[in-house]
């Protein structure tokens, strides 16, 4: 596990060392997720749609099933 020292700016900005950003693949404009854990903060790079498309699917749905789901949703929306 790597450790880095960052700084907090006057307006509360979090400044991370370039080595840390490079290690987790964080580039200017990227989103990142910060979770508070038992031992401190956990920083993870946010996922882009392109990252999600490269992951294994969590479910497989056929075109027919999607059509049925769409009809159900349309019906539900109209009834509201």
Protein backbone atom coordinates (compact mmCIF):
# COMPACT_ATOMS: atom_id res chain seq x y z
CA UNK A 1 0.00 0.00 0.00
CA UNK A 2 1.38 3.40 -0.98
CA UNK A 3 1.12 6.49 1.20
CA UNK A 4 1.18 10.10 0.04
CA UNK A 5 0.98 13.47 1.72
CA UNK A 6 -1.47 15.98 0.27
CA UNK A 7 -2.48 19.46 1.29
CA UNK A 8 -5.73 21.28 1.95
CA UNK A 9 -5.98 24.71 0.35
CA UNK A 10 -7.42 27.89 1.86
CA UNK A 11 -10.83 27.21 0.30
CA UNK A 12 -10.86 23.53 1.29
CA UNK A 13 -9.47 22.19 -1.98
CA UNK A 14 -7.71 18.84 -1.72
CA UNK A 15 -4.32 18.84 -3.43
CA UNK A 16 -2.92 15.41 -4.28
CA UNK A 17 0.66 14.73 -5.35
CA UNK A 18 1.18 13.98 -9.03
CA UNK A 19 2.49 10.50 -8.17
CA UNK A 20 -0.80 9.64 -6.43
CA UNK A 21 -2.89 10.91 -9.33
CA UNK A 22 -0.75 8.90 -11.75
CA UNK A 23 -1.01 5.72 -9.64
CA UNK A 24 -4.81 5.75 -9.62
CA UNK A 25 -5.12 7.13 -13.16
CA UNK A 26 -6.72 10.43 -12.13
CA UNK A 27 -6.54 13.13 -14.79
CA UNK A 28 -7.63 16.79 -14.78
CA UNK A 29 -11.43 16.95 -14.95
CA UNK A 30 -11.96 13.38 -13.70
CA UNK A 31 -14.40 12.69 -10.88
CA UNK A 32 -13.27 10.79 -7.82
CA UNK A 33 -15.10 9.15 -4.95
CA UNK A 34 -14.09 9.68 -1.33
CA UNK A 35 -15.37 7.24 1.28
CA UNK A 36 -14.87 7.61 5.02
CA UNK A 37 -13.57 4.34 6.44
CA UNK A 38 -12.52 3.15 9.88
CA UNK A 39 -8.93 4.22 9.28
CA UNK A 40 -9.53 7.40 7.29
CA UNK A 41 -10.43 8.40 3.76
CA UNK A 42 -10.52 6.05 0.78
CA UNK A 43 -10.08 7.78 -2.59
CA UNK A 44 -11.15 6.02 -5.79
CA UNK A 45 -11.24 7.20 -9.38
CA UNK A 46 -14.78 7.78 -10.63
CA UNK A 47 -15.96 5.54 -13.42
CA UNK A 48 -16.80 6.88 -16.86
CA UNK A 49 -19.31 5.25 -19.16
CA UNK A 50 -16.42 3.84 -21.21
CA UNK A 51 -15.07 2.13 -18.05
CA UNK A 52 -18.48 0.61 -17.32
CA UNK A 53 -18.81 -0.71 -20.86
CA UNK A 54 -15.57 -2.65 -20.45
CA UNK A 55 -16.76 -4.43 -17.27
CA UNK A 56 -18.54 -7.77 -17.16
CA UNK A 57 -22.31 -7.28 -17.35
CA UNK A 58 -24.26 -7.73 -14.14
CA UNK A 59 -27.28 -9.01 -16.06
CA UNK A 60 -28.11 -10.15 -19.57
CA UNK A 61 -31.39 -9.09 -21.16
CA UNK A 62 -32.69 -10.03 -24.58
CA UNK A 63 -34.24 -7.54 -26.98
CA UNK A 64 -37.62 -9.18 -26.43
CA UNK A 65 -37.30 -8.77 -22.64
CA UNK A 66 -36.34 -5.11 -23.07
CA UNK A 67 -39.44 -4.57 -25.21
CA UNK A 68 -41.65 -6.09 -22.51
CA UNK A 69 -40.01 -3.97 -19.80
CA UNK A 70 -40.47 -0.85 -21.92
CA UNK A 71 -44.18 -1.58 -22.41
CA UNK A 72 -44.63 -2.06 -18.65
CA UNK A 73 -42.85 1.23 -17.91
CA UNK A 74 -44.87 3.14 -20.52
CA UNK A 75 -48.07 1.76 -19.02
CA UNK A 76 -46.96 2.76 -15.51
CA UNK A 77 -46.06 6.30 -16.64
CA UNK A 78 -49.41 6.77 -18.44
CA UNK A 79 -51.32 5.61 -15.34
CA UNK A 80 -49.66 8.24 -13.16
